[in-house]
Amino acid sequence: MAKSTLSFVCQNCGAAYNRWQGKCDSCGEWNTLSEEDTTGATSMPVSVRSRRKGRTFALESLTGKSNDAPRLPSGMTELDRVTGGGFVRGSVLLVGGDPGIGKSTLLTQATSMLARAGHRAVYISGEEAVAQVRIRAERLGLADAPVQLASETSVEDIVSTLSEGAVPRLIVIDSIQTMWTDTVESAPGTVTQVRASAQALIRFAKKSGAAIILVGHVTKDGQIAGPRVVEHMVDAVLSFEGEGSQQFRILRAVKNRFGPTDEIGVFEMTGLGLREVSNPSELFLSERDLGSPGTAVFAGIEGTRPVLVELQALVAPTTLGTPRRAVVGWDPSRLSMVLAVLEAHCGVKLSGYDVYLNVAGGLRIQEPAADLAAAAALVSSLVNAPLPTDAVYFGEISLSGAVRPVAQTSARLKEAAKLGFGRAVLPESARGEVGGDGGLALNAIGGLTTLVAEIAARGTPRGNRNNNREGAVEKNATPARFRRENG
């Protein structure tokens, strides 16, 4: 019989140590080591393992007919877009997101639609009772869907129950952190239990052909909690993003073995659940403030879908020794780069101003094509010059101040023309890629200096923003005037 071995395992990254220590050397987190029995029931002596003979298996060549993986559409267009066309038989998906963002609501709607289509769908909750899941289904108007429910946390009992009868087409496990297996002796939620439970469920999916969705908790940094090896074991990792104060929700594929990883699905949280948004551009621009300085419309691409979103910038004089740089929805490093290029090559002095940049609607932009729109919004706020309300901006800014071309120019222009925009500011080298631009007036620029000069020419002084020298004189003269008034 194997001797029980105790070790200290990091609950954040899964690294094991022989003794306890306050900080994990692997991930750098503090107070994440806990004592676990890492032997497990699957361990066996070396002498027994050495006598086991392997079995032979057939080898195949690269040439031959390969069939596409059969897919099962979920009935939700936005969910199918992210997964690559539907759920693949025998695949395992890991869905993560902040608490209360709508993960359970999304999966309840997906299982209900599959069940109504005649497929066997099973929803197993380890965090809620069956009555709680039923209350959510009634609120969403899905109480009549023939979804099979259960509240169970034992992996062995779940596999034994699902193996009876017809194989389910879709199984939802909510969540993987609540599951436990008899093969290890750790507590539920620990790294060892999460890894072993996920491995058992993945083995069942590959053997039976059922598609399984695992719901995962996230850490304070937004990363999926538990060992990182689970993300390598599953076939797809989906991230459900959004702000609690916003009604928009973004489903993004971080990893996908059967589809693209740059597609997004857009949903709107309503009282009756998640509503699919077929035209996110119109939704993101629905509450746009026309004619306000510091706003620019960016024509972006998310996967194969063009998305138009408003970038809002505010440049205000600072009262601090180090000006503030606050960004929501964009990379702060790219904002610092754009500010440096504006100051070094365009003569725009922003070292004495606080800079705030926001992507309206809660969308997170990841492509560098938003550099030009961000620069236009910043200069517009600085010189108090409203940008044209019918113009869109896109282009990447290099460190030399040149505007570089970006991919899928025609798709961006077609989306802008469809929403009623009349002009586009784009890189000069992208003229040859323009196909049917929909009749837009194109303003091709080769350098950022040209754009800054055009915006500055329309600038008007703010009523509460006087010349810096006058403000400095007034500020310095205040004590003298105070002394004169007081004798």
Protein backbone atom coordinates (compact mmCIF):
# COMPACT_ATOMS: atom_id res chain seq x y z
CA MET A 1 0.00 0.00 0.00
CA ALA A 2 1.35 3.41 -0.93
CA LYS A 3 2.41 5.63 1.92
CA SER A 4 0.38 8.80 2.35
CA THR A 5 2.39 11.85 1.35
CA LEU A 6 1.51 15.32 2.58
CA SER A 7 2.67 18.43 0.80
CA PHE A 8 1.75 22.08 0.60
CA VAL A 9 0.05 23.03 -2.68
CA CYS A 10 -0.52 26.59 -3.91
CA GLN A 11 -4.24 27.16 -4.48
CA ASN A 12 -3.50 29.76 -7.15
CA CYS A 13 -1.06 28.02 -9.50
CA GLY A 14 -0.78 24.43 -8.24
CA ALA A 15 2.90 24.46 -7.29
CA ALA A 16 3.81 21.94 -4.54
CA TYR A 17 6.32 22.39 -1.70
CA ASN A 18 7.65 20.10 1.02
CA ARG A 19 7.07 22.68 3.77
CA TRP A 20 4.80 25.63 4.35
CA GLN A 21 5.91 29.13 3.38
CA GLY A 22 4.15 32.44 3.25
CA LYS A 23 4.81 33.27 -0.42
CA CYS A 24 4.56 30.99 -3.44
CA ASP A 25 7.79 31.20 -5.43
CA SER A 26 6.00 30.19 -8.64
CA CYS A 27 3.22 32.79 -8.89
CA GLY A 28 4.27 35.27 -6.20
CA GLU A 29 0.98 35.14 -4.27
CA TRP A 30 0.91 35.27 -0.46
CA ASN A 31 -0.89 32.88 1.93
CA THR A 32 -2.09 30.54 -0.83
CA LEU A 33 -0.35 27.32 0.34
CA SER A 34 -2.48 24.68 2.02
CA GLU A 35 -1.69 21.17 3.19
CA GLU A 36 -2.99 18.39 0.94
CA ASP A 37 -2.58 14.66 0.54
CA THR A 38 -1.02 14.35 -2.92
CA THR A 39 -0.77 10.55 -2.95
CA GLY A 40 -4.34 9.80 -3.94
CA ALA A 41 -6.01 6.45 -4.47
CA THR A 42 -4.60 6.09 -7.95
CA SER A 43 -1.01 5.80 -6.73
CA MET A 44 0.62 2.37 -6.82
CA PRO A 45 4.04 0.99 -5.94
CA VAL A 46 6.80 1.23 -8.52
CA SER A 47 7.16 -2.56 -8.64
CA VAL A 48 3.50 -2.93 -9.66
CA ARG A 49 3.74 -0.22 -12.32
CA SER A 50 6.88 -1.75 -13.79
CA ARG A 51 5.15 -5.12 -14.43
CA ARG A 52 2.30 -3.52 -16.38
CA LYS A 53 2.59 -4.01 -20.13
CA GLY A 54 1.30 -1.43 -22.57
CA ARG A 55 -1.21 -2.22 -25.29
CA THR A 56 -0.60 -1.63 -28.98
CA PHE A 57 -2.61 0.86 -30.99
CA ALA A 58 -2.99 1.59 -34.70
CA LEU A 59 -0.98 4.34 -36.39
CA GLU A 60 -2.35 6.40 -39.27
CA SER A 61 -0.78 8.58 -41.95
CA LEU A 62 -1.31 12.26 -42.61
CA THR A 63 -3.05 11.58 -45.91
CA GLY A 64 -6.65 10.50 -45.81
CA LYS A 65 -10.18 11.77 -45.51
CA SER A 66 -10.87 13.86 -42.44
CA ASN A 67 -14.47 14.55 -41.52
CA ASP A 68 -15.45 17.84 -39.97
CA ALA A 69 -16.46 17.65 -36.35
CA PRO A 70 -20.26 17.41 -36.09
CA ARG A 71 -21.68 20.46 -34.33
CA LEU A 72 -24.83 21.03 -32.35
CA PRO A 73 -26.25 24.57 -32.67
CA SER A 74 -27.33 25.97 -29.35
CA GLY A 75 -30.15 28.11 -30.74
CA MET A 76 -28.36 31.30 -29.64
CA THR A 77 -26.62 32.95 -32.59
CA GLU A 78 -24.15 34.92 -30.51
CA LEU A 79 -23.11 31.85 -28.51
CA ASP A 80 -22.66 29.81 -31.69
CA ARG A 81 -20.56 32.60 -33.20
CA VAL A 82 -18.08 32.42 -30.31
CA THR A 83 -17.90 28.62 -30.19
CA GLY A 84 -17.33 28.41 -33.94
CA GLY A 85 -20.76 27.23 -35.08
CA GLY A 86 -22.05 25.19 -32.16
CA PHE A 87 -20.99 22.56 -29.64
CA VAL A 88 -18.73 19.78 -30.89
CA ARG A 89 -19.49 16.24 -29.73
CA GLY A 90 -17.14 15.15 -26.96
CA SER A 91 -15.81 18.68 -26.38
CA VAL A 92 -15.38 20.36 -23.00
CA LEU A 93 -15.76 24.13 -22.58
CA LEU A 94 -14.70 26.22 -19.59
CA VAL A 95 -16.73 29.39 -18.99
CA GLY A 96 -15.44 32.00 -16.53
CA GLY A 97 -16.66 35.38 -15.39
CA ASP A 98 -17.18 37.66 -12.42
CA PRO A 99 -19.86 36.75 -9.85
CA GLY A 100 -23.31 37.89 -10.93
CA ILE A 101 -22.28 38.65 -14.50
CA GLY A 102 -24.84 36.18 -15.94
CA LYS A 103 -23.03 32.87 -16.49
CA SER A 104 -25.82 30.75 -15.01
CA THR A 105 -28.44 32.77 -16.87
CA LEU A 106 -26.67 32.25 -20.19
CA LEU A 107 -26.29 28.51 -19.69
CA THR A 108 -29.85 28.10 -18.47
CA GLN A 109 -31.09 29.70 -21.67
CA ALA A 110 -28.77 27.55 -23.81
CA THR A 111 -29.83 24.27 -22.19
CA SER A 112 -33.51 25.24 -22.40
CA MET A 113 -33.30 25.95 -26.12
CA LEU A 114 -31.53 22.65 -26.78
CA ALA A 115 -34.10 20.78 -24.71
CA ARG A 116 -36.96 22.41 -26.59
CA ALA A 117 -35.30 21.30 -29.85
CA GLY A 118 -35.56 17.65 -28.73
CA HIS A 119 -32.05 17.07 -27.38
CA ARG A 120 -31.31 15.74 -23.91
CA ALA A 121 -29.80 18.57 -21.86
CA VAL A 122 -28.69 18.19 -18.24
CA TYR A 123 -27.97 21.02 -15.81
CA ILE A 124 -26.08 19.99 -12.67
CA SER A 125 -25.57 22.66 -10.03
CA GLY A 126 -23.20 22.27 -7.13
CA GLU A 127 -23.90 25.74 -5.73
CA GLU A 128 -27.69 25.99 -5.91
CA ALA A 129 -30.56 23.72 -5.05
CA VAL A 130 -32.95 22.47 -7.70
CA ALA A 131 -35.64 24.85 -6.42
CA GLN A 132 -33.33 27.83 -6.94
CA VAL A 133 -32.63 26.82 -10.53
CA ARG A 134 -36.36 26.44 -11.14
CA ILE A 135 -36.99 29.95 -9.80
CA ARG A 136 -34.47 31.35 -12.29
CA ALA A 137 -36.09 29.39 -15.13
CA GLU A 138 -39.51 30.74 -14.22
CA ARG A 139 -38.18 34.29 -14.18
CA LEU A 140 -36.71 33.75 -17.66
CA GLY A 141 -39.94 32.18 -18.96
CA LEU A 142 -38.25 28.79 -19.51
CA ALA A 143 -40.07 26.70 -16.91
CA ASP A 144 -41.69 24.52 -19.60
CA ALA A 145 -38.34 23.46 -21.15
CA PRO A 146 -37.63 19.73 -20.55
CA VAL A 147 -34.21 20.30 -18.96
CA GLN A 148 -33.07 17.63 -16.51
CA LEU A 149 -31.88 19.21 -13.24
CA ALA A 150 -29.80 17.92 -10.35
CA SER A 151 -27.93 19.32 -7.37
CA GLU A 152 -24.87 17.10 -6.91
CA THR A 153 -21.15 17.50 -6.27
CA SER A 154 -19.76 13.95 -6.42
CA VAL A 155 -18.11 13.33 -9.78
CA GLU A 156 -18.49 9.54 -9.51
CA ASP A 157 -22.24 9.86 -8.88
CA ILE A 158 -22.62 12.31 -11.76
CA VAL A 159 -20.78 10.08 -14.23
CA SER A 160 -22.71 6.99 -13.11
CA THR A 161 -26.07 8.76 -13.47
CA LEU A 162 -25.33 10.29 -16.89
CA SER A 163 -24.08 6.95 -18.23
CA GLU A 164 -27.58 5.46 -17.93
CA GLY A 165 -30.01 5.83 -20.79
CA ALA A 166 -29.45 8.04 -23.80
CA VAL A 167 -26.24 10.06 -23.86
CA PRO A 168 -26.94 13.75 -23.11
CA ARG A 169 -26.04 16.14 -25.90
CA LEU A 170 -25.14 18.94 -23.49
CA ILE A 171 -24.13 18.82 -19.82
CA VAL A 172 -23.59 21.93 -17.68
CA ILE A 173 -21.52 21.64 -14.49
CA ASP A 174 -21.98 24.72 -12.31
CA SER A 175 -19.32 24.98 -11.03
CA ILE A 176 -16.13 22.90 -11.26
CA GLN A 177 -14.85 24.36 -7.95
CA THR A 178 -17.68 22.62 -6.06
CA MET A 179 -17.02 19.16 -7.52
CA TRP A 180 -15.05 16.47 -5.66
CA THR A 181 -13.85 12.95 -6.46
CA ASP A 182 -12.92 9.97 -4.30
CA THR A 183 -9.57 9.53 -6.03
CA VAL A 184 -8.00 12.33 -4.00
CA GLU A 185 -8.41 13.25 -0.35
CA SER A 186 -8.30 17.05 -0.62
CA ALA A 187 -11.20 19.35 0.17
CA PRO A 188 -13.50 20.53 -2.64
CA GLY A 189 -12.20 23.66 -4.36
CA THR A 190 -8.53 22.89 -3.85
CA VAL A 191 -6.14 22.64 -6.76
CA THR A 192 -5.90 18.85 -6.53
CA GLN A 193 -9.66 18.35 -6.43
CA VAL A 194 -10.35 20.76 -9.29
CA ARG A 195 -7.74 19.08 -11.49
CA ALA A 196 -8.90 15.53 -10.70
CA SER A 197 -12.61 16.37 -11.09
CA ALA A 198 -12.05 18.11 -14.41
CA GLN A 199 -9.98 15.18 -15.66
CA ALA A 200 -12.74 12.68 -14.79
CA LEU A 201 -15.42 14.76 -16.53
CA ILE A 202 -13.23 15.26 -19.62
CA ARG A 203 -12.64 11.51 -19.77
CA PHE A 204 -16.40 10.91 -19.67
CA ALA A 205 -17.01 13.49 -22.43
CA LYS A 206 -14.46 11.92 -24.79
CA LYS A 207 -15.82 8.43 -24.13
CA SER A 208 -19.54 9.21 -24.42
CA GLY A 209 -19.50 12.01 -27.00
CA ALA A 210 -21.44 14.45 -24.82
CA ALA A 211 -20.53 18.14 -24.82
CA ILE A 212 -19.77 19.45 -21.32
CA ILE A 213 -19.64 23.06 -20.16
CA LEU A 214 -17.72 23.70 -16.95
CA VAL A 215 -18.37 26.94 -15.07
CA GLY A 216 -15.25 28.29 -13.35
CA HIS A 217 -14.76 30.89 -10.65
CA VAL A 218 -12.41 33.81 -11.27
CA THR A 219 -9.85 35.53 -9.08
CA LYS A 220 -9.73 39.23 -8.23
CA ASP A 221 -7.56 39.76 -11.34
CA GLY A 222 -10.22 38.22 -13.62
CA GLN A 223 -8.28 34.99 -14.22
CA ILE A 224 -10.02 31.63 -13.90
CA ALA A 225 -9.33 30.24 -10.44
CA GLY A 226 -7.64 26.88 -9.95
CA PRO A 227 -4.70 25.25 -11.68
CA ARG A 228 -3.77 26.59 -15.09
CA VAL A 229 -3.51 23.01 -16.36
CA VAL A 230 -7.33 22.84 -16.48
CA GLU A 231 -7.34 25.48 -19.22
CA HIS A 232 -4.93 23.30 -21.22
CA MET A 233 -7.07 20.20 -20.70
CA VAL A 234 -10.35 21.66 -22.02
CA ASP A 235 -11.09 22.36 -25.68
CA ALA A 236 -12.28 25.95 -25.30
CA VAL A 237 -12.08 28.70 -22.69
CA LEU A 238 -14.77 31.38 -22.83
CA SER A 239 -14.73 34.60 -20.83
CA PHE A 240 -17.99 36.36 -19.96
CA GLU A 241 -17.17 40.04 -19.47
CA GLY A 242 -19.10 43.14 -18.55
CA GLU A 243 -19.58 45.83 -15.95
CA GLY A 244 -22.26 45.54 -13.30
CA SER A 245 -23.48 49.07 -14.05
CA GLN A 246 -23.75 48.37 -17.80
CA GLN A 247 -26.41 46.23 -19.43
CA PHE A 248 -24.05 44.91 -22.08
CA ARG A 249 -22.29 41.55 -21.75
CA ILE A 250 -19.44 40.33 -23.96
CA LEU A 251 -18.70 36.63 -24.47
CA ARG A 252 -15.13 36.25 -25.72
CA ALA A 253 -13.20 33.10 -26.70
CA VAL A 254 -9.77 32.96 -25.06
CA LYS A 255 -8.99 29.48 -26.42
CA ASN A 256 -10.88 27.40 -28.97
CA ARG A 257 -9.67 24.23 -30.67
CA PHE A 258 -12.65 24.12 -33.01
CA GLY A 259 -13.05 27.77 -33.96
CA PRO A 260 -11.56 31.28 -33.95
CA THR A 261 -10.34 32.97 -30.79
CA ASP A 262 -11.07 36.55 -31.80
CA GLU A 263 -14.86 36.38 -32.13
CA ILE A 264 -17.15 38.00 -29.58
CA GLY A 265 -20.81 37.58 -28.75
CA VAL A 266 -22.77 40.61 -27.53
CA PHE A 267 -25.71 40.29 -25.15
CA GLU A 268 -27.92 42.74 -23.30
CA MET A 269 -29.04 41.93 -19.76
CA THR A 270 -32.77 42.49 -19.38
CA GLY A 271 -35.41 41.50 -16.86
CA LEU A 272 -36.17 38.40 -18.92
CA GLY A 273 -32.56 37.27 -19.21
CA LEU A 274 -29.90 37.84 -21.85
CA ARG A 275 -31.02 39.24 -25.18
CA GLU A 276 -28.82 38.74 -28.23
CA VAL A 277 -27.56 41.89 -29.93
CA SER A 278 -27.27 41.34 -33.66
CA ASN A 279 -26.00 44.87 -34.39
CA PRO A 280 -23.70 45.92 -31.53
CA SER A 281 -22.53 49.07 -33.33
CA GLU A 282 -25.99 50.60 -33.26
CA LEU A 283 -26.34 49.67 -29.59
CA PHE A 284 -22.98 51.15 -28.53
CA LEU A 285 -23.75 54.42 -30.34
CA SER A 286 -27.39 54.70 -29.24
CA GLU A 287 -26.72 57.23 -26.44
CA ARG A 288 -23.98 59.17 -28.17
CA ASP A 289 -23.59 62.86 -27.29
CA LEU A 290 -23.31 64.67 -30.62
CA GLY A 291 -21.17 67.77 -30.93
CA SER A 292 -19.28 67.30 -27.66
CA PRO A 293 -15.49 67.82 -27.66
CA GLY A 294 -13.38 64.80 -26.80
CA THR A 295 -15.51 62.13 -28.48
CA ALA A 296 -14.51 60.11 -31.55
CA VAL A 297 -16.11 57.09 -33.20
CA PHE A 298 -13.74 54.18 -33.76
CA ALA A 299 -14.42 51.64 -36.50
CA GLY A 300 -13.02 48.41 -35.06
CA ILE A 301 -13.02 44.72 -35.90
CA GLU A 302 -13.82 41.95 -33.42
CA GLY A 303 -13.10 38.68 -35.18
CA THR A 304 -15.02 38.89 -38.44
CA ARG A 305 -17.53 41.43 -37.16
CA PRO A 306 -17.04 45.20 -37.59
CA VAL A 307 -17.98 47.14 -34.45
CA LEU A 308 -18.32 50.91 -34.14
CA VAL A 309 -17.82 52.31 -30.65
CA GLU A 310 -17.37 55.76 -29.16
CA LEU A 311 -14.10 56.76 -27.48
CA GLN A 312 -14.43 59.51 -24.88
CA ALA A 313 -11.47 61.59 -23.71
CA LEU A 314 -11.14 64.32 -21.11
CA VAL A 315 -8.03 66.48 -20.75
CA ALA A 316 -8.11 68.73 -17.68
CA PRO A 317 -5.42 70.84 -15.95
CA THR A 318 -3.87 68.95 -13.09
CA THR A 319 -3.32 70.09 -9.54
CA LEU A 320 -0.95 67.23 -8.75
CA GLY A 321 2.77 66.92 -9.20
CA THR A 322 2.27 63.81 -11.32
CA PRO A 323 -0.70 64.03 -13.73
CA ARG A 324 -3.26 61.24 -13.62
CA ARG A 325 -3.72 58.78 -16.50
CA ALA A 326 -6.97 56.82 -16.17
CA VAL A 327 -8.15 54.35 -18.83
CA VAL A 328 -11.32 52.23 -19.00
CA GLY A 329 -11.68 49.69 -21.82
CA TRP A 330 -8.27 50.19 -23.47
CA ASP A 331 -4.64 49.29 -22.87
CA PRO A 332 -2.98 51.88 -20.58
CA SER A 333 0.38 51.20 -22.24
CA ARG A 334 -0.97 52.24 -25.63
CA LEU A 335 -2.38 55.43 -24.14
CA SER A 336 1.05 56.29 -22.75
CA MET A 337 2.58 55.66 -26.16
CA VAL A 338 0.02 57.88 -27.95
CA LEU A 339 0.60 60.68 -25.43
CA ALA A 340 4.37 60.43 -25.93
CA VAL A 341 4.02 60.61 -29.73
CA LEU A 342 1.70 63.62 -29.48
CA GLU A 343 4.18 65.48 -27.29
CA ALA A 344 7.35 64.49 -29.13
CA HIS A 345 6.26 64.83 -32.78
CA CYS A 346 3.15 67.03 -32.74
CA GLY A 347 4.02 69.63 -30.11
CA VAL A 348 1.00 68.78 -27.97
CA LYS A 349 2.06 69.41 -24.37
CA LEU A 350 0.05 67.14 -22.08
CA SER A 351 2.50 66.88 -19.20
CA GLY A 352 0.50 69.41 -17.18
CA TYR A 353 -2.90 67.83 -17.71
CA ASP A 354 -4.83 64.90 -16.29
CA VAL A 355 -5.94 62.52 -19.04
CA TYR A 356 -9.01 60.28 -18.85
CA LEU A 357 -10.01 57.87 -21.64
CA ASN A 358 -13.15 55.74 -21.70
CA VAL A 359 -14.65 53.27 -24.18
CA ALA A 360 -18.40 53.79 -24.06
CA GLY A 361 -20.67 50.82 -23.52
CA GLY A 362 -18.30 48.63 -21.52
CA LEU A 363 -16.48 47.14 -24.52
CA ARG A 364 -12.77 46.33 -24.18
CA ILE A 365 -10.73 47.21 -27.27
CA GLN A 366 -7.62 45.14 -27.92
CA GLU A 367 -6.51 46.04 -31.43
CA PRO A 368 -3.99 48.86 -32.09
CA ALA A 369 -6.22 50.37 -34.78
CA ALA A 370 -7.83 52.50 -32.07
CA ASP A 371 -4.70 54.68 -31.78
CA LEU A 372 -5.92 57.25 -34.30
CA ALA A 373 -9.38 57.58 -32.72
CA ALA A 374 -7.85 57.95 -29.25
CA ALA A 375 -5.44 60.64 -30.45
CA ALA A 376 -8.26 62.54 -32.18
CA ALA A 377 -10.39 62.46 -29.03
CA LEU A 378 -7.49 63.65 -26.85
CA VAL A 379 -6.61 66.60 -29.09
CA SER A 380 -10.30 67.47 -29.47
CA SER A 381 -10.71 67.70 -25.70
CA LEU A 382 -7.50 69.69 -25.26
CA VAL A 383 -8.32 72.42 -27.81
CA ASN A 384 -12.10 72.31 -27.25
CA ALA A 385 -12.82 71.41 -30.87
CA PRO A 386 -15.77 69.05 -31.50
CA LEU A 387 -15.02 66.45 -34.13
CA PRO A 388 -17.37 65.94 -37.10
CA THR A 389 -20.34 63.89 -35.96
CA ASP A 390 -20.41 61.87 -39.20
CA ALA A 391 -16.73 60.79 -39.14
CA VAL A 392 -15.10 57.54 -38.05
CA TYR A 393 -11.42 57.03 -37.24
CA PHE A 394 -9.10 54.03 -37.40
CA GLY A 395 -5.36 53.56 -37.83
CA GLU A 396 -2.28 52.49 -35.91
CA ILE A 397 0.22 55.13 -34.80
CA SER A 398 3.91 54.31 -34.91
CA LEU A 399 6.53 55.80 -32.61
CA SER A 400 7.71 58.04 -35.44
CA GLY A 401 4.30 59.67 -35.73
CA ALA A 402 3.33 57.90 -38.96
CA VAL A 403 -0.12 56.36 -39.32
CA ARG A 404 0.14 52.70 -40.29
CA PRO A 405 -2.55 50.69 -42.15
CA VAL A 406 -4.75 48.12 -40.45
CA ALA A 407 -6.55 45.01 -41.66
CA GLN A 408 -10.08 44.76 -43.10
CA THR A 409 -10.44 48.38 -44.15
CA SER A 410 -13.38 47.69 -46.47
CA ALA A 411 -15.40 45.96 -43.74
CA ARG A 412 -14.94 48.94 -41.43
CA LEU A 413 -16.05 51.42 -44.09
CA LYS A 414 -19.11 49.34 -45.05
CA GLU A 415 -20.26 49.20 -41.44
CA ALA A 416 -19.79 52.97 -41.08
CA ALA A 417 -21.76 53.66 -44.25
CA LYS A 418 -24.54 51.32 -43.12
CA LEU A 419 -24.96 53.34 -39.91
CA GLY A 420 -25.14 56.67 -41.76
CA PHE A 421 -21.60 58.03 -41.39
CA GLY A 422 -20.39 60.22 -44.22
CA ARG A 423 -16.60 60.40 -43.87
CA ALA A 424 -13.69 58.34 -42.60
CA VAL A 425 -10.21 59.30 -41.41
CA LEU A 426 -7.86 56.43 -42.26
CA PRO A 427 -4.19 55.76 -43.07
CA GLU A 428 -3.00 57.02 -46.43
CA SER A 429 -1.42 53.68 -47.34
CA ALA A 430 -4.83 51.96 -46.98
CA ARG A 431 -6.30 53.63 -50.09
CA GLY A 432 -5.44 50.64 -52.25
CA GLU A 433 -7.33 48.24 -49.98
CA VAL A 434 -10.60 50.17 -50.14
CA GLY A 435 -13.25 48.35 -52.14
CA GLY A 436 -16.84 49.44 -51.93
CA ASP A 437 -16.65 52.25 -49.42
CA GLY A 438 -20.37 53.01 -49.63
CA GLY A 439 -19.83 56.58 -50.82
CA LEU A 440 -17.89 57.78 -47.79
CA ALA A 441 -15.59 60.78 -48.12
CA LEU A 442 -12.12 59.47 -47.30
CA ASN A 443 -9.58 61.64 -45.51
CA ALA A 444 -6.32 59.71 -45.83
CA ILE A 445 -3.48 60.98 -43.65
CA GLY A 446 0.11 59.82 -43.58
CA GLY A 447 1.18 61.33 -40.27
CA LEU A 448 -0.37 62.26 -36.96
CA THR A 449 0.77 65.88 -37.36
CA THR A 450 -1.73 66.44 -40.18
CA LEU A 451 -4.65 65.27 -38.03
CA VAL A 452 -3.58 67.40 -35.06
CA ALA A 453 -3.32 70.51 -37.25
CA GLU A 454 -6.80 69.95 -38.70
CA ILE A 455 -8.38 69.57 -35.27
CA ALA A 456 -6.47 72.49 -33.73
CA ALA A 457 -7.61 74.80 -36.54
CA ARG A 458 -11.23 74.32 -35.42
CA GLY A 459 -10.46 74.81 -31.71
CA THR A 460 -12.08 77.50 -29.58
CA PRO A 461 -11.01 78.53 -26.07
CA ARG A 462 -13.08 77.25 -23.21
CA GLY A 463 -14.94 79.69 -21.06
CA ASN A 464 -13.37 78.32 -17.90
CA ARG A 465 -9.97 77.55 -19.41
CA ASN A 466 -7.92 80.70 -19.86
CA ASN A 467 -4.35 80.99 -20.91
CA ASN A 468 -1.95 79.18 -18.59
CA ARG A 469 0.05 82.39 -18.09
CA GLU A 470 -3.03 84.41 -17.08
CA GLY A 471 -4.08 81.67 -14.70
CA ALA A 472 -0.62 81.61 -13.19
CA VAL A 473 -0.60 85.43 -12.74
CA GLU A 474 -4.03 85.37 -11.12
CA LYS A 475 -2.99 82.54 -8.81
CA ASN A 476 0.21 84.36 -7.76
CA ALA A 477 -1.57 87.72 -7.36
CA THR A 478 -4.20 86.34 -4.99
CA PRO A 479 -2.09 86.61 -1.80
CA ALA A 480 -1.08 90.23 -2.61
CA ARG A 481 -4.67 91.23 -3.29
CA PHE A 482 -5.70 89.52 -0.07
CA ARG A 483 -3.13 91.59 1.86
CA ARG A 484 -4.31 94.84 0.26
CA GLU A 485 -7.93 94.16 1.10
CA ASN A 486 -7.03 93.43 4.69
CA GLY A 487 -4.97 96.61 5.20
